[in-house]
Protein backbone atom coordinates (compact mmCIF):
# COMPACT_ATOMS: atom_id res chain seq x y z
CA MET A 1 51.10 -39.61 37.12
CA SER A 2 50.43 -43.50 37.23
CA LEU A 3 49.08 -44.98 34.45
CA PRO A 4 45.08 -46.20 34.86
CA ILE A 5 44.48 -49.49 35.96
CA ASP A 6 42.37 -51.69 33.79
CA PRO A 7 39.15 -52.39 35.76
CA THR A 8 38.61 -55.58 33.77
CA SER A 9 42.03 -56.90 34.42
CA THR A 10 41.31 -57.02 38.21
CA SER A 11 40.22 -60.03 40.31
CA ALA A 12 37.39 -57.85 41.94
CA TRP A 13 35.89 -57.36 38.39
CA ALA A 14 36.37 -61.25 38.09
CA GLU A 15 34.37 -61.65 41.34
CA LEU A 16 31.90 -59.52 39.80
CA SER A 17 31.51 -60.96 36.64
CA ALA A 18 30.82 -64.29 38.28
CA LEU A 19 28.18 -62.81 40.34
CA GLN A 20 26.56 -61.26 37.73
CA GLU A 21 26.04 -64.50 35.95
CA SER A 22 24.14 -65.95 38.84
CA PHE A 23 22.83 -62.86 39.91
CA THR A 24 18.41 -62.81 40.94
CA PRO A 25 17.51 -59.84 42.42
CA ASP A 26 15.01 -60.02 45.22
CA LEU A 27 14.61 -57.41 47.71
CA ARG A 28 11.34 -58.82 49.10
CA GLY A 29 13.22 -62.20 49.91
CA TRP A 30 16.21 -59.97 50.92
CA PHE A 31 14.48 -57.80 53.39
CA ALA A 32 12.27 -60.74 55.06
CA ALA A 33 15.54 -62.70 55.54
CA ASP A 34 17.64 -60.04 56.82
CA PRO A 35 16.38 -57.86 59.44
CA GLY A 36 19.40 -55.87 59.77
CA ARG A 37 19.60 -55.13 56.26
CA VAL A 38 18.25 -51.18 56.60
CA GLU A 39 20.24 -50.52 59.26
CA ARG A 40 23.65 -51.78 58.12
CA LEU A 41 23.08 -50.03 54.50
CA SER A 42 21.88 -46.81 55.87
CA LEU A 43 24.85 -44.33 56.38
CA PRO A 44 25.38 -40.63 57.60
CA LEU A 45 27.00 -38.21 55.64
CA ALA A 46 27.52 -35.05 57.48
CA ASP A 47 23.53 -34.32 57.69
CA LEU A 48 22.36 -36.32 55.24
CA HIS A 49 20.81 -40.00 56.08
CA VAL A 50 21.72 -42.27 53.02
CA ASP A 51 19.90 -45.48 52.94
CA LEU A 52 21.05 -47.75 50.15
CA SER A 53 19.32 -50.69 51.42
CA LYS A 54 16.86 -50.85 48.48
CA ASN A 55 19.36 -51.25 45.77
CA LEU A 56 20.13 -54.27 44.00
CA VAL A 57 23.02 -55.56 46.00
CA THR A 58 24.02 -58.36 48.27
CA ASP A 59 27.01 -58.13 51.03
CA GLU A 60 28.85 -60.51 48.68
CA VAL A 61 28.48 -58.15 45.63
CA LEU A 62 29.09 -54.86 47.75
CA ALA A 63 31.99 -56.41 49.42
CA SER A 64 33.57 -57.09 45.66
CA LEU A 65 32.56 -53.45 44.71
CA VAL A 66 34.80 -52.16 47.49
CA ARG A 67 37.61 -54.68 46.64
CA LEU A 68 37.45 -53.30 42.85
CA ALA A 69 37.98 -49.55 44.50
CA GLU A 70 40.97 -50.78 46.24
CA GLN A 71 42.17 -52.43 43.35
CA THR A 72 41.90 -49.50 41.00
CA GLY A 73 43.46 -46.88 43.32
CA VAL A 74 40.45 -44.64 44.54
CA ALA A 75 41.68 -43.47 47.57
CA GLU A 76 45.03 -43.05 46.21
CA ARG A 77 43.76 -40.89 43.38
CA TYR A 78 41.84 -39.02 45.95
CA ALA A 79 44.69 -38.29 48.09
CA ALA A 80 46.76 -36.96 44.73
CA MET A 81 43.98 -34.70 43.94
CA LEU A 82 43.71 -33.32 47.15
CA ALA A 83 47.74 -32.65 47.16
CA GLY A 84 47.39 -30.94 44.10
CA GLU A 85 49.15 -33.48 41.43
CA HIS A 86 48.36 -32.98 37.81
CA ILE A 87 45.55 -35.52 37.56
CA ASN A 88 44.03 -33.56 34.48
CA THR A 89 46.45 -35.07 32.22
CA THR A 90 45.35 -34.17 28.72
CA GLU A 91 45.61 -30.20 30.40
CA ASP A 92 48.62 -30.83 32.70
CA ARG A 93 46.59 -29.45 35.49
CA ALA A 94 45.94 -29.91 39.29
CA VAL A 95 42.27 -30.43 40.19
CA LEU A 96 41.71 -28.47 43.27
CA HIS A 97 38.13 -27.60 43.65
CA THR A 98 38.43 -29.12 46.99
CA ALA A 99 40.60 -26.01 47.80
CA LEU A 100 38.21 -23.76 47.04
CA ARG A 101 36.01 -24.88 50.53
CA ARG A 102 38.96 -25.32 52.88
CA PRO A 103 38.12 -23.26 56.18
CA ASP A 104 40.51 -20.14 56.45
CA GLY A 105 43.75 -21.45 58.58
CA ALA A 106 43.50 -25.08 57.47
CA SER A 107 46.54 -27.07 58.33
CA PRO A 108 48.72 -28.00 57.04
CA ALA A 109 48.60 -25.21 54.29
CA LEU A 110 48.21 -26.56 50.63
CA VAL A 111 50.87 -25.32 48.57
CA VAL A 112 51.20 -26.55 45.04
CA ASP A 113 53.66 -25.54 42.23
CA GLY A 114 55.05 -23.13 44.26
CA GLN A 115 51.91 -21.25 44.84
CA ASP A 116 50.28 -20.64 48.56
CA ILE A 117 46.74 -22.05 47.35
CA ASP A 118 44.97 -21.55 50.67
CA ARG A 119 46.19 -17.69 50.54
CA ASP A 120 45.12 -17.32 47.08
CA VAL A 121 41.64 -18.80 47.61
CA GLN A 122 40.98 -16.80 50.86
CA ALA A 123 42.11 -13.73 49.10
CA VAL A 124 39.18 -13.90 46.72
CA LEU A 125 36.60 -14.91 49.03
CA ALA A 126 37.23 -11.81 51.18
CA SER A 127 37.31 -9.78 48.33
CA ILE A 128 33.69 -11.26 47.29
CA ASP A 129 32.47 -10.93 51.04
CA ALA A 130 33.38 -7.35 50.70
CA PHE A 131 31.80 -6.65 47.38
CA ALA A 132 28.68 -8.05 48.17
CA ASP A 133 28.31 -6.57 51.31
CA ARG A 134 29.01 -3.23 49.26
CA VAL A 135 25.97 -3.97 46.91
CA ARG A 136 23.67 -5.35 49.64
CA SER A 137 24.18 -2.33 51.73
CA GLY A 138 23.40 0.13 48.99
CA GLU A 139 26.95 1.53 49.25
CA TRP A 140 27.54 0.29 45.53
CA THR A 141 25.37 2.04 43.45
CA GLY A 142 24.22 2.64 39.71
CA VAL A 143 25.41 5.49 37.69
CA THR A 144 22.51 7.44 38.87
CA GLY A 145 23.22 6.79 42.54
CA LYS A 146 20.23 4.27 43.13
CA ARG A 147 20.93 1.21 45.10
CA VAL A 148 21.07 -2.42 42.83
CA THR A 149 17.86 -4.38 43.39
CA HIS A 150 18.64 -7.05 40.24
CA ILE A 151 21.88 -8.65 39.48
CA VAL A 152 21.87 -10.59 35.95
CA ASN A 153 24.57 -13.02 35.93
CA ILE A 154 25.72 -13.72 32.04
CA GLY A 155 27.71 -17.06 32.04
CA ILE A 156 27.28 -20.37 30.19
CA GLY A 157 27.82 -24.27 31.50
CA GLY A 158 29.76 -24.07 34.58
CA SER A 159 29.15 -20.39 35.03
CA ASP A 160 25.50 -20.72 34.84
CA LEU A 161 24.16 -24.11 35.72
CA GLY A 162 25.58 -24.10 39.55
CA PRO A 163 24.66 -20.42 40.15
CA VAL A 164 20.95 -21.15 38.82
CA MET A 165 20.55 -24.28 40.86
CA ILE A 166 21.90 -23.02 43.90
CA SER A 167 19.73 -19.47 43.64
CA ALA A 168 16.51 -21.42 43.18
CA ALA A 169 17.44 -24.12 46.01
CA LEU A 170 18.15 -21.22 48.63
CA GLU A 171 15.78 -18.73 47.88
CA PRO A 172 14.29 -18.90 51.11
CA TYR A 173 17.60 -17.31 51.96
CA ALA A 174 17.39 -14.40 50.10
CA THR A 175 16.22 -11.99 51.96
CA GLY A 176 18.27 -8.74 51.03
CA GLY A 177 15.75 -7.38 48.63
CA ILE A 178 18.27 -8.14 45.30
CA GLU A 179 16.64 -10.67 42.89
CA ALA A 180 19.19 -12.87 40.73
CA ARG A 181 18.41 -13.68 37.35
CA PHE A 182 20.75 -15.85 34.72
CA VAL A 183 21.36 -15.39 31.01
CA SER A 184 23.21 -18.16 29.29
CA ASN A 185 21.65 -19.54 25.87
CA ILE A 186 22.78 -17.34 23.05
CA ASP A 187 19.09 -17.24 21.95
CA PRO A 188 18.28 -13.80 21.94
CA THR A 189 15.27 -14.68 23.50
CA ASP A 190 17.18 -15.31 26.76
CA ILE A 191 18.37 -11.91 26.77
CA ALA A 192 15.47 -10.58 26.09
CA GLN A 193 13.14 -11.96 28.64
CA LYS A 194 15.65 -11.57 31.79
CA THR A 195 16.11 -7.94 31.21
CA LYS A 196 12.27 -7.44 30.66
CA GLY A 197 10.90 -5.24 33.47
CA LEU A 198 14.11 -4.28 34.77
CA ASP A 199 15.32 -0.90 35.52
CA PRO A 200 18.84 0.00 33.89
CA GLU A 201 19.24 2.29 37.15
CA THR A 202 19.09 -0.28 39.54
CA THR A 203 20.58 -3.52 37.38
CA LEU A 204 23.95 -5.20 37.93
CA PHE A 205 25.45 -7.47 35.49
CA ILE A 206 28.11 -9.98 36.29
CA VAL A 207 29.82 -11.37 33.11
CA ALA A 208 31.63 -14.95 33.95
CA SER A 209 34.02 -16.06 31.67
CA LYS A 210 37.55 -17.24 32.88
CA THR A 211 39.22 -16.13 29.30
CA PHE A 212 36.54 -13.54 28.59
CA THR A 213 36.09 -14.99 25.07
CA THR A 214 33.25 -17.36 25.66
CA LEU A 215 31.06 -16.84 22.63
CA GLU A 216 27.98 -17.05 24.04
CA THR A 217 28.66 -15.10 27.27
CA LEU A 218 30.48 -12.22 25.36
CA THR A 219 27.82 -12.16 22.65
CA ASN A 220 25.13 -11.78 25.50
CA ALA A 221 27.14 -9.09 27.65
CA ARG A 222 27.52 -7.13 24.68
CA LEU A 223 23.31 -7.55 24.25
CA ALA A 224 23.18 -6.30 27.76
CA ARG A 225 25.52 -3.35 27.65
CA ASP A 226 23.62 -2.10 24.52
CA TRP A 227 20.40 -2.75 26.40
CA LEU A 228 21.91 -0.68 29.25
CA TRP A 229 22.97 2.23 27.11
CA ALA A 230 19.73 2.50 25.60
CA GLY A 231 17.32 2.45 28.61
CA LEU A 232 19.93 5.17 30.54
CA GLU A 233 19.87 7.46 27.50
CA SER A 234 16.09 6.93 26.88
CA ALA A 235 15.44 7.66 30.28
CA GLY A 236 17.65 10.92 30.05
CA ALA A 237 19.93 9.29 32.87
CA ILE A 238 23.24 9.56 30.73
CA ASP A 239 24.31 11.56 27.71
CA SER A 240 25.31 9.25 24.35
CA ASP A 241 28.73 10.27 24.52
CA ASP A 242 31.49 7.62 25.00
CA ALA A 243 32.35 8.94 28.49
CA ALA A 244 28.98 8.58 29.73
CA ARG A 245 28.68 5.33 28.33
CA THR A 246 32.05 4.02 29.64
CA ASP A 247 30.82 5.64 33.15
CA ALA A 248 27.58 3.54 32.93
CA VAL A 249 29.54 0.32 32.17
CA ALA A 250 32.00 0.84 35.09
CA HIS A 251 28.77 1.04 36.99
CA HIS A 252 26.75 -1.37 36.10
CA PHE A 253 29.10 -4.63 35.09
CA VAL A 254 31.60 -6.43 37.13
CA ALA A 255 33.65 -9.50 35.84
CA VAL A 256 34.29 -12.96 37.18
CA SER A 257 37.49 -13.55 35.00
CA THR A 258 41.22 -13.74 35.17
CA ALA A 259 41.88 -12.16 31.54
CA LEU A 260 42.16 -8.49 32.88
CA ASP A 261 43.25 -6.93 29.78
CA LYS A 262 39.76 -7.93 27.72
CA VAL A 263 37.63 -7.13 30.74
CA GLU A 264 38.99 -3.62 30.84
CA ALA A 265 38.81 -3.34 26.88
CA PHE A 266 34.98 -4.43 27.63
CA GLY A 267 34.87 -1.45 29.84
CA ILE A 268 34.76 -2.71 33.25
CA ASP A 269 37.21 -1.81 35.75
CA PRO A 270 39.68 -4.66 36.41
CA ALA A 271 39.39 -3.99 40.06
CA ASN A 272 35.81 -5.29 39.92
CA ALA A 273 37.08 -8.47 38.35
CA PHE A 274 37.01 -11.55 40.63
CA GLY A 275 39.39 -14.42 39.49
CA PHE A 276 39.37 -18.17 39.93
CA TRP A 277 42.36 -20.28 38.43
CA ASP A 278 42.95 -23.09 35.68
CA TRP A 279 42.78 -26.01 38.58
CA VAL A 280 39.14 -24.84 38.82
CA GLY A 281 37.07 -26.91 36.12
CA GLY A 282 33.68 -25.11 35.00
CA ARG A 283 31.71 -27.78 36.44
CA TYR A 284 33.37 -27.63 39.48
CA SER A 285 33.36 -23.99 39.67
CA VAL A 286 30.23 -22.65 41.93
CA ASP A 287 32.30 -22.49 44.87
CA SER A 288 34.67 -20.07 43.54
CA ALA A 289 34.13 -16.49 42.60
CA ILE A 290 31.72 -17.81 40.05
CA GLY A 291 29.31 -17.81 43.00
CA LEU A 292 29.67 -14.04 43.13
CA SER A 293 25.91 -13.81 42.41
CA LEU A 294 24.75 -15.88 45.11
CA ALA A 295 27.10 -13.88 47.76
CA ILE A 296 25.21 -10.97 46.58
CA GLU A 297 21.68 -12.40 46.62
CA LEU A 298 22.12 -14.74 49.75
CA GLY A 299 24.92 -12.82 51.40
CA PRO A 300 28.35 -13.70 51.98
CA ASP A 301 27.47 -15.74 55.64
CA VAL A 302 25.08 -18.13 53.71
CA PHE A 303 27.83 -18.52 50.94
CA ARG A 304 30.30 -19.55 53.46
CA GLU A 305 28.21 -22.03 55.05
CA LEU A 306 27.50 -23.59 51.57
CA LEU A 307 31.45 -23.97 51.19
CA ALA A 308 31.24 -25.54 54.72
CA GLY A 309 28.67 -28.12 53.44
CA PHE A 310 30.94 -28.95 50.56
CA HIS A 311 34.32 -29.42 52.81
CA ALA A 312 32.26 -31.73 55.39
CA VAL A 313 32.01 -34.25 52.13
CA ASP A 314 35.48 -33.73 51.30
CA GLU A 315 36.74 -34.71 54.84
CA HIS A 316 34.22 -37.52 54.83
CA VAL A 317 35.61 -38.93 51.50
CA ARG A 318 39.23 -38.45 52.65
CA SER A 319 38.62 -39.65 56.44
CA THR A 320 36.27 -42.60 55.93
CA PRO A 321 36.99 -46.36 55.03
CA LEU A 322 35.96 -47.15 51.82
CA ALA A 323 33.19 -49.51 52.89
CA LYS A 324 31.35 -46.68 54.99
CA ASN A 325 32.52 -44.23 52.47
CA VAL A 326 29.00 -42.63 51.21
CA PRO A 327 30.03 -41.27 47.92
CA VAL A 328 32.61 -44.16 46.83
CA LEU A 329 29.90 -46.71 47.78
CA MET A 330 27.27 -44.63 45.31
CA GLY A 331 29.92 -44.37 42.82
CA LEU A 332 30.42 -48.18 42.78
CA LEU A 333 26.78 -48.75 42.76
CA ASN A 334 26.45 -46.95 39.50
CA VAL A 335 29.52 -48.90 38.11
CA TRP A 336 27.52 -51.91 39.36
CA TYR A 337 24.74 -50.92 37.41
CA VAL A 338 26.30 -49.57 33.99
CA ASN A 339 28.88 -52.28 33.73
CA PHE A 340 27.16 -55.43 34.87
CA LEU A 341 23.34 -54.88 35.00
CA GLY A 342 23.62 -52.65 32.14
CA ALA A 343 21.66 -49.82 32.98
CA GLN A 344 22.22 -46.61 30.67
CA SER A 345 20.58 -43.80 32.82
CA HIS A 346 20.33 -42.61 36.13
CA ALA A 347 17.45 -40.49 37.69
CA VAL A 348 17.42 -38.21 40.15
CA LEU A 349 14.31 -37.32 42.14
CA PRO A 350 14.07 -34.56 44.64
CA TYR A 351 10.79 -34.07 46.55
CA ALA A 352 11.67 -30.58 46.86
CA GLN A 353 10.52 -27.82 44.29
CA GLN A 354 13.27 -25.85 45.54
CA LEU A 355 15.67 -28.36 43.47
CA SER A 356 14.20 -27.91 40.16
CA ARG A 357 17.31 -27.39 38.58
CA PHE A 358 19.28 -30.01 40.08
CA ALA A 359 19.42 -32.73 37.63
CA ALA A 360 20.12 -30.10 34.86
CA TYR A 361 23.39 -29.31 37.07
CA LEU A 362 24.19 -32.89 37.54
CA GLN A 363 23.96 -33.60 33.90
CA GLN A 364 27.05 -31.60 33.26
CA LEU A 365 28.63 -32.60 36.37
CA THR A 366 28.50 -36.35 35.33
CA MET A 367 28.30 -36.40 31.86
CA GLU A 368 30.78 -33.68 31.02
CA SER A 369 32.75 -35.62 33.51
CA ASN A 370 32.71 -39.06 32.56
CA GLY A 371 31.32 -39.01 28.60
CA LYS A 372 34.85 -40.52 27.69
CA SER A 373 35.76 -43.06 25.76
CA VAL A 374 39.63 -42.91 25.97
CA ARG A 375 41.60 -43.38 29.33
CA TRP A 376 43.59 -40.71 31.01
CA ASP A 377 46.90 -41.95 29.11
CA GLY A 378 45.03 -42.09 25.79
CA SER A 379 44.43 -45.41 25.47
CA PRO A 380 40.92 -46.94 24.85
CA VAL A 381 38.58 -47.41 27.79
CA THR A 382 37.94 -51.02 28.14
CA THR A 383 34.36 -50.92 29.71
CA ASP A 384 31.34 -48.80 28.99
CA THR A 385 31.37 -45.37 30.53
CA GLY A 386 29.07 -42.74 31.95
CA GLU A 387 25.36 -42.77 32.10
CA VAL A 388 22.52 -40.36 31.23
CA PHE A 389 21.52 -38.46 34.17
CA TRP A 390 18.18 -37.03 34.20
CA GLY A 391 14.91 -36.00 36.59
CA GLU A 392 12.29 -33.79 37.65
CA PRO A 393 10.82 -32.82 41.18
CA GLY A 394 8.59 -35.12 42.78
CA THR A 395 5.41 -35.17 42.49
CA ASN A 396 5.45 -33.73 38.90
CA GLY A 397 7.65 -36.80 37.61
CA GLN A 398 4.73 -39.03 38.75
CA HIS A 399 2.80 -38.05 36.44
CA ALA A 400 5.28 -37.85 33.60
CA PHE A 401 7.73 -40.62 33.26
CA TYR A 402 7.66 -42.96 36.40
CA GLN A 403 5.59 -45.29 34.49
CA LEU A 404 8.80 -46.19 32.53
CA ILE A 405 10.63 -46.46 35.75
CA HIS A 406 7.85 -48.58 37.43
CA GLN A 407 6.96 -50.71 34.39
CA GLY A 408 9.23 -50.35 31.40
CA THR A 409 11.68 -52.66 30.24
CA ARG A 410 14.84 -50.57 31.12
CA LEU A 411 16.70 -50.62 34.37
CA ILE A 412 16.90 -47.20 35.68
CA PRO A 413 18.64 -46.77 39.23
CA ALA A 414 17.11 -43.79 40.70
CA ASP A 415 18.06 -41.18 43.79
CA PHE A 416 15.21 -39.89 45.72
CA ILE A 417 15.94 -36.75 48.18
CA ALA A 418 13.91 -35.33 50.63
CA PHE A 419 13.81 -33.01 53.72
CA ALA A 420 11.96 -33.29 57.04
CA ILE A 421 11.42 -29.47 57.34
CA PRO A 422 9.75 -27.72 54.68
CA ALA A 423 10.72 -24.20 53.72
CA TYR A 424 7.05 -23.03 53.52
CA PRO A 425 4.98 -24.99 55.79
CA LEU A 426 1.35 -24.70 54.61
CA ALA A 427 -2.01 -26.59 55.63
CA ASP A 428 -4.88 -27.84 53.82
CA ASP A 429 -7.72 -28.17 55.77
CA GLY A 430 -5.88 -28.32 59.16
CA ARG A 431 -3.57 -31.34 57.21
CA ASP A 432 0.11 -30.69 56.94
CA VAL A 433 0.75 -30.45 53.02
CA HIS A 434 4.52 -31.14 53.21
CA GLY A 435 3.55 -34.73 55.05
CA LEU A 436 1.24 -35.46 52.36
CA PHE A 437 3.82 -34.53 49.99
CA LEU A 438 6.67 -37.24 51.70
CA SER A 439 4.26 -39.40 51.52
CA ASN A 440 4.57 -39.62 48.04
CA PHE A 441 8.47 -39.92 48.56
CA LEU A 442 8.19 -42.93 50.81
CA ALA A 443 5.53 -44.59 48.52
CA GLN A 444 7.70 -44.37 45.37
CA THR A 445 10.64 -46.21 46.72
CA LYS A 446 8.43 -48.81 48.58
CA ALA A 447 6.60 -49.47 45.00
CA LEU A 448 9.85 -49.67 43.11
CA ALA A 449 11.39 -51.84 45.37
CA PHE A 450 8.85 -54.23 46.49
CA GLY A 451 6.16 -54.24 43.44
CA LYS A 452 2.66 -56.16 43.41
CA THR A 453 2.55 -59.45 42.46
CA ALA A 454 -0.22 -61.15 40.20
CA ALA A 455 -1.59 -62.84 43.37
CA GLU A 456 -1.96 -59.39 45.18
CA VAL A 457 -3.55 -58.00 42.16
CA GLU A 458 -6.07 -60.69 41.92
CA ALA A 459 -6.80 -60.52 45.59
CA GLU A 460 -7.99 -57.01 45.11
CA GLY A 461 -10.81 -58.33 42.75
CA THR A 462 -8.86 -57.71 39.23
CA THR A 463 -9.46 -60.48 36.81
CA GLY A 464 -8.06 -61.38 33.23
CA ALA A 465 -5.63 -59.38 31.20
CA LEU A 466 -5.90 -56.51 33.44
CA VAL A 467 -3.75 -58.55 36.57
CA ALA A 468 -0.98 -58.31 34.03
CA ALA A 469 -1.24 -54.77 33.64
CA ARG A 470 -1.36 -53.97 37.49
CA THR A 471 1.51 -56.05 38.37
CA PHE A 472 4.61 -54.39 39.15
CA ALA A 473 7.71 -56.42 39.02
CA GLY A 474 9.58 -54.23 41.56
CA ASN A 475 13.38 -54.76 42.22
CA ARG A 476 13.90 -51.49 40.61
CA PRO A 477 16.74 -50.08 42.47
CA THR A 478 16.50 -46.86 44.65
CA THR A 479 18.74 -44.81 47.21
CA SER A 480 16.97 -42.54 49.60
CA ILE A 481 18.93 -39.48 50.73
CA PHE A 482 17.06 -37.49 53.74
CA ALA A 483 18.18 -34.45 55.51
CA PRO A 484 16.60 -32.52 58.15
CA ALA A 485 16.29 -29.12 56.05
CA LEU A 486 17.14 -27.96 52.45
CA THR A 487 19.93 -25.50 54.24
CA PRO A 488 22.85 -23.81 52.60
CA ALA A 489 25.17 -26.41 54.17
CA VAL A 490 23.09 -29.23 53.16
CA LEU A 491 23.15 -28.38 49.72
CA GLY A 492 26.71 -28.14 49.84
CA GLN A 493 26.87 -31.73 50.99
CA LEU A 494 24.47 -32.79 48.20
CA VAL A 495 26.45 -31.20 45.71
CA GLY A 496 29.74 -32.33 47.16
CA LEU A 497 28.22 -36.05 47.42
CA TYR A 498 27.34 -36.15 43.65
CA GLU A 499 30.92 -34.64 42.73
CA HIS A 500 32.81 -37.36 44.45
CA ILE A 501 30.15 -39.88 43.15
CA THR A 502 31.46 -38.72 39.77
CA PHE A 503 34.93 -38.99 40.54
CA THR A 504 34.93 -42.70 41.99
CA GLN A 505 33.78 -43.72 38.48
CA GLY A 506 35.85 -41.95 36.55
CA VAL A 507 38.89 -43.52 38.71
CA ILE A 508 37.39 -46.92 38.29
CA TRP A 509 36.74 -46.66 34.59
CA GLY A 510 40.67 -45.08 34.37
CA ILE A 511 39.19 -41.71 32.35
CA ASN A 512 40.32 -38.31 33.24
CA SER A 513 36.90 -36.56 34.57
CA PHE A 514 38.15 -33.13 34.56
CA ASP A 515 38.57 -31.85 30.79
CA GLN A 516 35.90 -32.12 28.13
CA TRP A 517 37.13 -31.91 24.79
CA GLY A 518 33.84 -33.30 23.29
CA VAL A 519 32.74 -30.11 23.50
CA GLU A 520 35.26 -28.35 21.54
CA LEU A 521 34.49 -29.72 18.10
CA GLY A 522 31.03 -28.38 17.86
CA LYS A 523 32.37 -24.56 18.87
CA GLN A 524 35.20 -24.85 16.04
CA LEU A 525 32.71 -26.02 13.50
CA ALA A 526 30.10 -22.96 14.61
CA LEU A 527 32.60 -20.55 14.01
CA GLN A 528 33.38 -22.01 10.46
CA ILE A 529 29.57 -22.00 9.52
CA ALA A 530 28.72 -18.49 11.30
CA PRO A 531 29.79 -16.80 7.73
CA ALA A 532 27.85 -19.39 5.70
CA ILE A 533 24.58 -18.30 7.70
CA GLU A 534 25.62 -14.44 6.80
CA GLY A 535 25.68 -15.62 3.02
CA ASP A 536 29.20 -15.98 2.32
CA GLU A 537 29.49 -18.36 -0.76
CA THR A 538 32.79 -19.51 -0.27
CA ALA A 539 31.70 -20.68 3.42
CA ILE A 540 28.52 -22.21 2.09
CA ALA A 541 30.18 -24.12 -0.70
CA ALA A 542 32.92 -25.55 1.95
CA GLN A 543 29.79 -27.35 3.98
CA ASP A 544 28.55 -30.97 3.47
CA ALA A 545 25.45 -31.46 1.48
CA SER A 546 22.80 -31.65 4.16
CA THR A 547 24.27 -28.75 5.89
CA ARG A 548 24.09 -26.61 2.66
CA ALA A 549 20.32 -27.83 2.53
CA LEU A 550 19.80 -26.64 5.70
CA LEU A 551 21.43 -23.41 4.91
CA ALA A 552 19.13 -22.69 2.05
CA TYR A 553 16.01 -23.17 4.01
CA TYR A 554 17.28 -20.85 6.54
CA ALA A 555 18.13 -18.54 4.16
CA ALA A 556 14.62 -18.79 2.07
CA HIS A 557 12.80 -18.54 5.51
CA ARG A 558 14.55 -15.80 7.50
CA THR A 559 12.29 -12.79 6.89
CA SER A 560 13.64 -10.23 9.12
């Protein structure tokens, strides 16, 4: 694997640094002087219409950013990823989430490390389809012969955030009479609330853990198993002997895992375990068997449409020149904002209630991928990396944090996402509510870009100190992403877009966007502290003074 290229050593970085020194954003002036700006900076990406014109860039800045992508090898590293080279250097693994959505029969065949990747992926997809059809048709039943009405996915991180987000986003497509719920937090409140009101006889649990060792997931799985046994036994549906309990688990639990021995030890039939591979990172896994809950809730056809949306973006990135490559350009814009204009966060603001969990999903995708301080060869980074991704659906966010974006002292680039056709078209006194909703989407990007001058405020009759309070500086950068409707394919395109934005930034910064060692230390320490929580004096003595004091507080206040 080639060494990372220090972006600060490139001529493009020097160009950008020089441009930044004399850079004065003027969106009002740029729009007035350049009637072709919007058309030139509005680009198609499959079904998405992406308007970059309200970003703080000139043609000169964009050209230098594209040269930066060329000089840091973005296209070459993408080709290496698609080919199965081990670009995940710290774990010596290929990175092949793009292979999960290659269509059946794709040519040329993808063979990596002697393994036919296409054949493996299609085999798992076929097994997912078949199982989902069995559950949805009622062929698969619980231990008492009743059909499944609820599925509960137990996972955490990438085994939870993607399925949760997509389940909410595609709720209008959940027409099979099966409701999905999701448990992730080890806080016992989560499993208690998600099983509340469910009938054990009609509930199917999916335990999603590649290694079947994840602390939170296995703890919740055991709690779910206890809940199942207790409910079935109290209803007289099963006896309390081991054989009856084992049979119940076999009817009400399946797994997404490759650790078949551990799956079987838990009581799940290994024939009902759906695998994936070490070249699928958790935050890139929703289109693998981790999406089993989605295939059941939404149906296999919807899941396949989702995959097709992902693949459309993969193909766009592979085949489109950098200067017109939408995910690459958006990644480059983020580099411009972080490394040259001082931005530290990035807002994602979907004007679609269905995308209520989209920002949470992107937080793992972006910050776990690019929150790194060393490059892929182990050397220190030479620039700032990563940014805090956050957001809420409009118009809720308008009444919460938009004040900071409009008039605060921090530069916060924002992506606005909207759809022309609503999932639920409703009218209020004859007025299209969705049209009213989208007027806010359009108004916010306009206000952020162009602001309101003191003269304009005074012309409305405002005087004195209120003039400054009601003045908006403008030049707050936004990207507008529009699509006809939030279909499964469009959702796949949106997720794929941000995957490749993240990839682009990682390549430019020279970091490995596919490991996550930063989450390991806390896990290790939690295992060491657990005995202290339970009163082990030796474990307590091994802690620092602050942790010992907090353990004492816990012991004094835990009453049951």
